[in-house]
Amino acid sequence: MIFIKILLFIYILSFFISLKDRSLLIVTFLASIALFVITYTFIDNSFADDRGQYYYIFINYNDFFVNHQDTSLLYLFKFLNLFIYEPLSFYFVISLIFILLFYYFIKKHLTFEQMILFTILIVLNRLYLDFEMNVMRSTLASVLLLVFYTRIVLLRRYYYIAFLPIAFYMHIGLVTMILFLFLVSSRINYKSSYVIFIIGFLIFLFDINLSNLLLNNIDILNYLKIISNNIYDFINPSLYVTSIKLKIQFIIYAVIPIYLLNKYRNNYLLNNQLNFILFGVGTVLIFYNSFPIIIRALSFFIPLIYFSFVQNFSFRNKVSVYYISFIVLINSIIFYKNIDYINI
């Protein structure tokens, strides 16, 4: 435990010193990666309710194949079973897979300094850690889709379309929803997306529920049940109320960087990304209180927000520097408060 506290102290200290001497950002980067891997590997399952079920699926993957519940994740688990035999190794390898996928997502588009800033923003992000631990399959599918997004949309390497079935097979409902949001956002203008985002944020903030309207359309409900494979997410949705904690996390980790990102709309490509983010996140928020499962789409949009944010980040912009400093500080405080969950 002392080692983790020292590592956390190095993480904080190196970052704030790096504001004057940016060569120390590499120390912050390495400390953040180490803290993420340690956390993901050794955190108690009580920290994330659904974390333990993935190891159960890992050791019983054959039962899921027999019951025709096979996905890309099961094939990954089948491969890992050749080398891994106990929980800590399993979680350690999954943490490395997340890091590797994030690396392939950003490596062609960000400078080394920008890659470090992106890593600092995402790996100890309290909201995103929930996705990585509680909904591993959805989050792996989202990060894999982000890799394909940069290759197909940004680099125009269209042969990557041939690999999209891997993401579909990982989580067909989530990937279908994100592709749908992308196609629709490409057909509407920025102002419309901005309005949708504002409406969605207000619905989310004040717990406005649209379930009565949606439940009257049986076709929509049945379709959502089919693509989600989770019937429980659609039982009594009108009883669902968003916690204050989640609202605060969402404002800190998504709304503020979107606001700051809006200030950097200085090129066509970034305009398209921001349009996609505003429309996608706004749509998720509009339907979240009615169908909570839809929030899993944020496992795709939060990294895209930070990716876009650091693409045009400048240390000369004091507001953006203050925001990243605040994220480092708040992540460190939250990490320290939960340090007892790490069994090392």
Protein backbone atom coordinates (compact mmCIF):
# COMPACT_ATOMS: atom_id res chain seq x y z
CA MET A 1 0.00 0.00 0.00
CA ILE A 2 2.89 2.37 0.73
CA PHE A 3 4.20 1.73 -2.79
CA ILE A 4 0.86 2.80 -4.32
CA LYS A 5 0.77 5.99 -2.23
CA ILE A 6 4.30 6.85 -3.33
CA LEU A 7 3.35 6.19 -6.96
CA LEU A 8 0.29 8.42 -6.59
CA PHE A 9 2.44 11.17 -5.07
CA ILE A 10 4.89 10.89 -8.01
CA TYR A 11 1.93 11.08 -10.42
CA ILE A 12 0.64 14.31 -8.88
CA LEU A 13 3.99 15.98 -8.27
CA SER A 14 5.46 15.19 -11.69
CA PHE A 15 2.39 16.57 -13.46
CA PHE A 16 2.37 19.91 -11.68
CA ILE A 17 6.13 20.31 -12.10
CA SER A 18 5.68 19.44 -15.80
CA LEU A 19 3.59 22.59 -16.22
CA LYS A 20 6.94 24.37 -16.02
CA ASP A 21 9.17 21.59 -17.36
CA ARG A 22 7.21 19.46 -19.84
CA SER A 23 9.96 16.83 -20.03
CA LEU A 24 8.53 15.44 -16.77
CA LEU A 25 5.23 14.59 -18.47
CA ILE A 26 6.73 11.21 -19.30
CA VAL A 27 6.99 10.50 -15.56
CA THR A 28 3.31 11.37 -15.11
CA PHE A 29 2.48 9.16 -18.08
CA LEU A 30 4.33 6.14 -16.69
CA ALA A 31 2.90 6.66 -13.20
CA SER A 32 -0.66 6.87 -14.56
CA ILE A 33 -0.23 3.68 -16.60
CA ALA A 34 1.21 1.87 -13.58
CA LEU A 35 -1.63 3.06 -11.32
CA PHE A 36 -4.22 1.96 -13.87
CA VAL A 37 -2.74 -1.52 -14.30
CA ILE A 38 -2.38 -1.99 -10.52
CA THR A 39 -5.93 -0.76 -9.92
CA TYR A 40 -7.48 -2.90 -12.64
CA THR A 41 -5.55 -5.98 -11.52
CA PHE A 42 -5.86 -5.78 -7.74
CA ILE A 43 -9.06 -3.84 -7.02
CA ASP A 44 -11.64 -5.71 -4.98
CA ASN A 45 -14.70 -6.91 -6.89
CA SER A 46 -16.93 -5.00 -4.48
CA PHE A 47 -15.64 -1.79 -6.07
CA ALA A 48 -17.41 -2.72 -9.31
CA ASP A 49 -20.41 -5.01 -8.96
CA ASP A 50 -20.13 -6.73 -12.34
CA ARG A 51 -16.35 -7.09 -12.44
CA GLY A 52 -16.29 -10.60 -11.00
CA GLN A 53 -18.74 -11.99 -13.55
CA TYR A 54 -16.19 -11.59 -16.34
CA TYR A 55 -13.72 -13.87 -14.62
CA TYR A 56 -16.58 -16.34 -14.10
CA ILE A 57 -17.30 -16.21 -17.83
CA PHE A 58 -13.57 -16.56 -18.53
CA ILE A 59 -13.22 -19.81 -16.57
CA ASN A 60 -16.56 -21.18 -17.83
CA TYR A 61 -16.40 -20.00 -21.43
CA ASN A 62 -17.27 -23.45 -22.78
CA ASP A 63 -20.67 -23.33 -21.07
CA PHE A 64 -21.47 -20.09 -22.88
CA PHE A 65 -20.44 -21.56 -26.24
CA VAL A 66 -22.72 -24.54 -25.57
CA ASN A 67 -25.61 -22.17 -24.82
CA HIS A 68 -24.95 -20.24 -28.06
CA GLN A 69 -23.98 -17.05 -26.23
CA ASP A 70 -20.72 -16.80 -28.13
CA THR A 71 -19.23 -13.39 -28.92
CA SER A 72 -15.79 -12.10 -29.86
CA LEU A 73 -15.14 -11.79 -26.13
CA LEU A 74 -15.57 -15.53 -25.63
CA TYR A 75 -13.06 -16.27 -28.37
CA LEU A 76 -10.66 -13.88 -26.66
CA PHE A 77 -11.26 -15.69 -23.36
CA LYS A 78 -10.74 -19.05 -25.07
CA PHE A 79 -7.37 -17.87 -26.34
CA LEU A 80 -6.33 -16.40 -22.96
CA ASN A 81 -7.23 -19.68 -21.28
CA LEU A 82 -4.20 -21.21 -22.97
CA PHE A 83 -1.91 -19.06 -20.80
CA ILE A 84 -3.88 -17.79 -17.79
CA TYR A 85 -5.18 -19.79 -14.87
CA GLU A 86 -6.02 -17.36 -12.06
CA PRO A 87 -7.89 -14.01 -11.57
CA LEU A 88 -4.98 -11.60 -11.11
CA SER A 89 -3.34 -12.67 -14.38
CA PHE A 90 -6.70 -12.37 -16.14
CA TYR A 91 -7.33 -8.78 -14.97
CA PHE A 92 -3.71 -7.83 -15.62
CA VAL A 93 -3.93 -8.98 -19.25
CA ILE A 94 -7.28 -7.23 -19.79
CA SER A 95 -5.78 -3.97 -18.48
CA LEU A 96 -2.94 -4.33 -21.00
CA ILE A 97 -5.45 -4.99 -23.79
CA PHE A 98 -7.22 -1.72 -22.94
CA ILE A 99 -3.90 0.16 -23.03
CA LEU A 100 -2.93 -1.47 -26.33
CA LEU A 101 -6.28 -0.60 -27.96
CA PHE A 102 -6.05 3.00 -26.77
CA TYR A 103 -2.54 3.19 -28.19
CA TYR A 104 -3.74 2.03 -31.62
CA PHE A 105 -6.66 4.46 -31.39
CA ILE A 106 -4.47 7.57 -30.93
CA LYS A 107 -1.03 6.72 -32.34
CA LYS A 108 -1.58 7.99 -35.90
CA HIS A 109 -3.14 11.29 -34.90
CA LEU A 110 -1.51 12.69 -31.76
CA THR A 111 1.98 13.90 -31.02
CA PHE A 112 3.84 12.15 -28.21
CA GLU A 113 2.97 14.99 -25.83
CA GLN A 114 -0.70 14.83 -26.84
CA MET A 115 -0.68 11.04 -26.33
CA ILE A 116 0.58 11.57 -22.79
CA LEU A 117 -2.15 14.13 -22.07
CA PHE A 118 -4.82 11.80 -23.48
CA THR A 119 -3.54 8.98 -21.26
CA ILE A 120 -3.55 11.22 -18.19
CA LEU A 121 -7.16 12.21 -18.90
CA ILE A 122 -8.53 8.71 -19.54
CA VAL A 123 -6.77 5.99 -17.55
CA LEU A 124 -7.68 7.12 -14.00
CA ASN A 125 -10.95 8.72 -15.07
CA ARG A 126 -13.44 7.63 -12.40
CA LEU A 127 -16.40 7.55 -14.77
CA TYR A 128 -14.51 5.56 -17.39
CA LEU A 129 -13.13 3.08 -14.87
CA ASP A 130 -16.74 2.12 -14.16
CA PHE A 131 -17.20 1.23 -17.83
CA GLU A 132 -13.95 -0.74 -18.03
CA MET A 133 -14.76 -2.78 -14.93
CA ASN A 134 -18.56 -3.10 -14.93
CA VAL A 135 -19.25 -3.45 -18.65
CA MET A 136 -16.00 -4.87 -19.99
CA ARG A 137 -17.53 -6.33 -23.16
CA SER A 138 -19.21 -3.05 -24.13
CA THR A 139 -16.09 -1.02 -23.41
CA LEU A 140 -13.77 -3.34 -25.32
CA ALA A 141 -16.19 -3.17 -28.27
CA SER A 142 -16.25 0.65 -28.01
CA VAL A 143 -12.46 1.07 -27.94
CA LEU A 144 -12.10 -1.41 -30.80
CA LEU A 145 -14.66 0.64 -32.73
CA LEU A 146 -12.66 3.80 -31.96
CA VAL A 147 -9.63 2.17 -33.61
CA PHE A 148 -11.74 1.45 -36.70
CA TYR A 149 -13.20 5.00 -36.58
CA THR A 150 -9.76 6.61 -36.82
CA ARG A 151 -8.64 4.25 -39.59
CA ILE A 152 -11.80 4.45 -41.72
CA VAL A 153 -13.11 7.98 -41.12
CA LEU A 154 -9.93 9.94 -40.39
CA LEU A 155 -7.29 8.05 -42.38
CA ARG A 156 -9.74 6.82 -45.04
CA ARG A 157 -8.33 3.32 -45.01
CA TYR A 158 -11.56 1.74 -46.13
CA TYR A 159 -10.24 -1.80 -46.10
CA TYR A 160 -10.69 -1.66 -42.30
CA ILE A 161 -14.43 -1.98 -42.96
CA ALA A 162 -13.72 -5.68 -43.47
CA PHE A 163 -12.76 -5.90 -39.78
CA LEU A 164 -15.94 -4.24 -38.47
CA PRO A 165 -17.64 -7.64 -37.91
CA ILE A 166 -15.17 -8.23 -35.04
CA ALA A 167 -16.64 -5.23 -33.19
CA PHE A 168 -20.19 -6.24 -34.16
CA TYR A 169 -19.62 -9.73 -32.84
CA MET A 170 -18.28 -8.27 -29.59
CA HIS A 171 -21.48 -6.28 -28.93
CA ILE A 172 -23.88 -5.96 -31.85
CA GLY A 173 -26.38 -3.71 -30.06
CA LEU A 174 -23.85 -1.11 -28.94
CA VAL A 175 -21.93 -1.04 -32.23
CA THR A 176 -25.16 -0.76 -34.25
CA MET A 177 -26.28 2.16 -32.10
CA ILE A 178 -22.98 4.05 -32.45
CA LEU A 179 -22.86 3.51 -36.23
CA PHE A 180 -26.46 4.73 -36.46
CA LEU A 181 -25.58 7.87 -34.46
CA PHE A 182 -22.57 8.48 -36.71
CA LEU A 183 -24.59 8.17 -39.93
CA VAL A 184 -27.36 10.47 -38.67
CA SER A 185 -24.88 13.05 -37.32
CA SER A 186 -23.23 13.22 -40.74
CA ARG A 187 -26.59 14.37 -42.17
CA ILE A 188 -27.36 17.17 -39.74
CA ASN A 189 -25.60 20.46 -39.05
CA TYR A 190 -23.70 21.59 -36.00
CA LYS A 191 -26.46 23.85 -34.65
CA SER A 192 -28.97 20.99 -34.67
CA SER A 193 -26.51 18.72 -32.85
CA TYR A 194 -25.80 21.46 -30.31
CA VAL A 195 -29.53 21.86 -29.60
CA ILE A 196 -29.92 18.08 -29.22
CA PHE A 197 -27.02 18.04 -26.76
CA ILE A 198 -28.52 20.88 -24.66
CA ILE A 199 -31.94 19.17 -24.61
CA GLY A 200 -30.35 15.84 -23.67
CA PHE A 201 -28.29 17.41 -20.90
CA LEU A 202 -31.37 19.09 -19.40
CA ILE A 203 -33.35 15.83 -19.57
CA PHE A 204 -30.46 14.02 -17.88
CA LEU A 205 -29.93 16.74 -15.27
CA PHE A 206 -33.58 17.01 -14.21
CA ASP A 207 -34.50 13.31 -14.57
CA ILE A 208 -37.13 13.89 -17.23
CA ASN A 209 -38.44 10.46 -18.24
CA LEU A 210 -39.65 9.64 -21.76
CA SER A 211 -40.55 6.03 -21.03
CA ASN A 212 -44.32 6.54 -21.25
CA LEU A 213 -43.98 7.94 -24.76
CA LEU A 214 -41.56 5.22 -25.86
CA LEU A 215 -43.43 2.37 -24.21
CA ASN A 216 -46.47 3.26 -26.32
CA ASN A 217 -44.42 2.28 -29.36
CA ILE A 218 -44.14 -1.50 -28.98
CA ASP A 219 -42.02 -1.86 -32.11
CA ILE A 220 -39.29 0.39 -30.69
CA LEU A 221 -39.36 -1.39 -27.35
CA ASN A 222 -39.13 -4.86 -28.90
CA TYR A 223 -36.25 -3.77 -31.13
CA LEU A 224 -34.33 -2.36 -28.16
CA LYS A 225 -34.88 -5.60 -26.25
CA ILE A 226 -33.57 -7.65 -29.17
CA ILE A 227 -30.37 -5.67 -29.74
CA SER A 228 -29.57 -5.30 -26.05
CA ASN A 229 -30.13 -8.92 -24.97
CA ASN A 230 -30.91 -7.54 -21.52
CA ILE A 231 -34.59 -7.70 -20.65
CA TYR A 232 -34.03 -6.34 -17.14
CA ASP A 233 -32.98 -2.96 -18.49
CA PHE A 234 -36.49 -2.36 -19.78
CA ILE A 235 -38.50 -3.36 -16.70
CA ASN A 236 -40.08 -0.38 -14.90
CA PRO A 237 -37.78 2.18 -16.54
CA SER A 238 -39.94 5.00 -15.13
CA LEU A 239 -38.59 4.12 -11.66
CA TYR A 240 -35.01 4.91 -12.66
CA VAL A 241 -33.48 8.08 -11.17
CA THR A 242 -29.97 9.23 -11.95
CA SER A 243 -27.73 9.61 -8.91
CA ILE A 244 -26.26 13.01 -8.04
CA LYS A 245 -22.81 11.42 -8.08
CA LEU A 246 -23.19 10.29 -11.70
CA LYS A 247 -24.46 13.73 -12.72
CA ILE A 248 -21.44 15.43 -11.15
CA GLN A 249 -19.05 12.95 -12.77
CA PHE A 250 -20.68 13.49 -16.14
CA ILE A 251 -20.38 17.27 -15.86
CA ILE A 252 -16.71 17.03 -14.85
CA TYR A 253 -15.63 14.36 -17.30
CA ALA A 254 -17.82 15.14 -20.33
CA VAL A 255 -19.69 18.47 -20.28
CA ILE A 256 -16.71 20.68 -19.38
CA PRO A 257 -14.34 19.21 -22.02
CA ILE A 258 -17.13 19.44 -24.62
CA TYR A 259 -17.55 23.11 -23.72
CA LEU A 260 -13.79 23.69 -24.01
CA LEU A 261 -13.62 21.65 -27.20
CA ASN A 262 -16.21 23.98 -28.70
CA LYS A 263 -13.64 26.77 -28.44
CA TYR A 264 -11.23 24.87 -30.71
CA ARG A 265 -13.48 24.51 -33.73
CA ASN A 266 -10.81 25.71 -36.12
CA ASN A 267 -10.80 23.04 -38.82
CA TYR A 268 -13.27 21.01 -40.83
CA LEU A 269 -12.26 17.65 -39.39
CA LEU A 270 -12.71 18.81 -35.81
CA ASN A 271 -16.10 20.31 -36.72
CA ASN A 272 -17.25 16.89 -37.90
CA GLN A 273 -15.96 15.18 -34.75
CA LEU A 274 -17.61 17.73 -32.49
CA ASN A 275 -20.86 17.40 -34.44
CA PHE A 276 -20.76 13.62 -33.95
CA ILE A 277 -19.96 14.00 -30.23
CA LEU A 278 -22.74 16.54 -29.59
CA PHE A 279 -25.37 14.53 -31.46
CA GLY A 280 -24.27 11.18 -30.04
CA VAL A 281 -23.95 12.25 -26.41
CA GLY A 282 -27.13 14.35 -26.63
CA THR A 283 -29.13 11.39 -27.97
CA VAL A 284 -27.75 9.10 -25.23
CA LEU A 285 -28.79 11.61 -22.57
CA ILE A 286 -32.27 12.08 -24.02
CA PHE A 287 -33.04 8.37 -23.67
CA TYR A 288 -30.90 7.52 -20.65
CA ASN A 289 -33.54 7.90 -17.91
CA SER A 290 -35.93 5.76 -19.93
CA PHE A 291 -33.43 3.10 -21.04
CA PRO A 292 -30.35 3.22 -18.76
CA ILE A 293 -28.44 0.64 -20.82
CA ILE A 294 -27.89 3.28 -23.49
CA ILE A 295 -25.30 5.01 -21.30
CA ARG A 296 -22.83 2.32 -22.37
CA ALA A 297 -22.39 4.33 -25.56
CA LEU A 298 -20.42 6.83 -23.46
CA SER A 299 -17.65 4.21 -23.34
CA PHE A 300 -17.16 5.23 -26.99
CA PHE A 301 -17.79 8.97 -26.73
CA ILE A 302 -15.73 9.87 -23.64
CA PRO A 303 -12.40 8.77 -25.24
CA LEU A 304 -13.46 10.54 -28.46
CA ILE A 305 -14.10 13.73 -26.46
CA TYR A 306 -10.61 13.63 -24.93
CA PHE A 307 -9.04 12.63 -28.24
CA SER A 308 -10.56 15.71 -29.89
CA PHE A 309 -9.72 17.89 -26.89
CA VAL A 310 -5.99 17.11 -26.88
CA GLN A 311 -5.74 17.32 -30.68
CA ASN A 312 -6.06 21.09 -30.37
CA PHE A 313 -4.76 21.52 -26.84
CA SER A 314 -2.22 24.23 -26.18
CA PHE A 315 -0.32 24.97 -22.99
CA ARG A 316 -0.85 28.64 -23.87
CA ASN A 317 -4.57 28.17 -23.24
CA LYS A 318 -4.73 28.61 -19.47
CA VAL A 319 -8.35 27.45 -19.14
CA SER A 320 -7.53 24.10 -20.75
CA VAL A 321 -4.40 23.74 -18.60
CA TYR A 322 -6.49 24.45 -15.49
CA TYR A 323 -9.00 21.81 -16.58
CA ILE A 324 -6.37 19.08 -17.02
CA SER A 325 -4.81 20.10 -13.70
CA PHE A 326 -8.21 19.84 -12.05
CA ILE A 327 -8.76 16.36 -13.56
CA VAL A 328 -5.37 15.17 -12.27
CA LEU A 329 -6.22 16.53 -8.82
CA ILE A 330 -9.77 15.15 -8.66
CA ASN A 331 -8.68 11.74 -10.00
CA SER A 332 -5.96 11.62 -7.38
CA ILE A 333 -8.36 12.48 -4.56
CA ILE A 334 -10.89 9.87 -5.70
CA PHE A 335 -8.11 7.30 -6.12
CA TYR A 336 -6.78 7.97 -2.62
CA LYS A 337 -10.26 7.74 -1.07
CA ASN A 338 -10.72 4.31 -2.67
CA ILE A 339 -7.19 3.03 -2.12
CA ASP A 340 -8.33 0.50 0.50
CA TYR A 341 -10.19 -1.42 -2.24
CA ILE A 342 -6.83 -2.33 -3.79
CA ASN A 343 -5.74 -5.69 -2.39
CA ILE A 344 -2.00 -5.70 -2.82
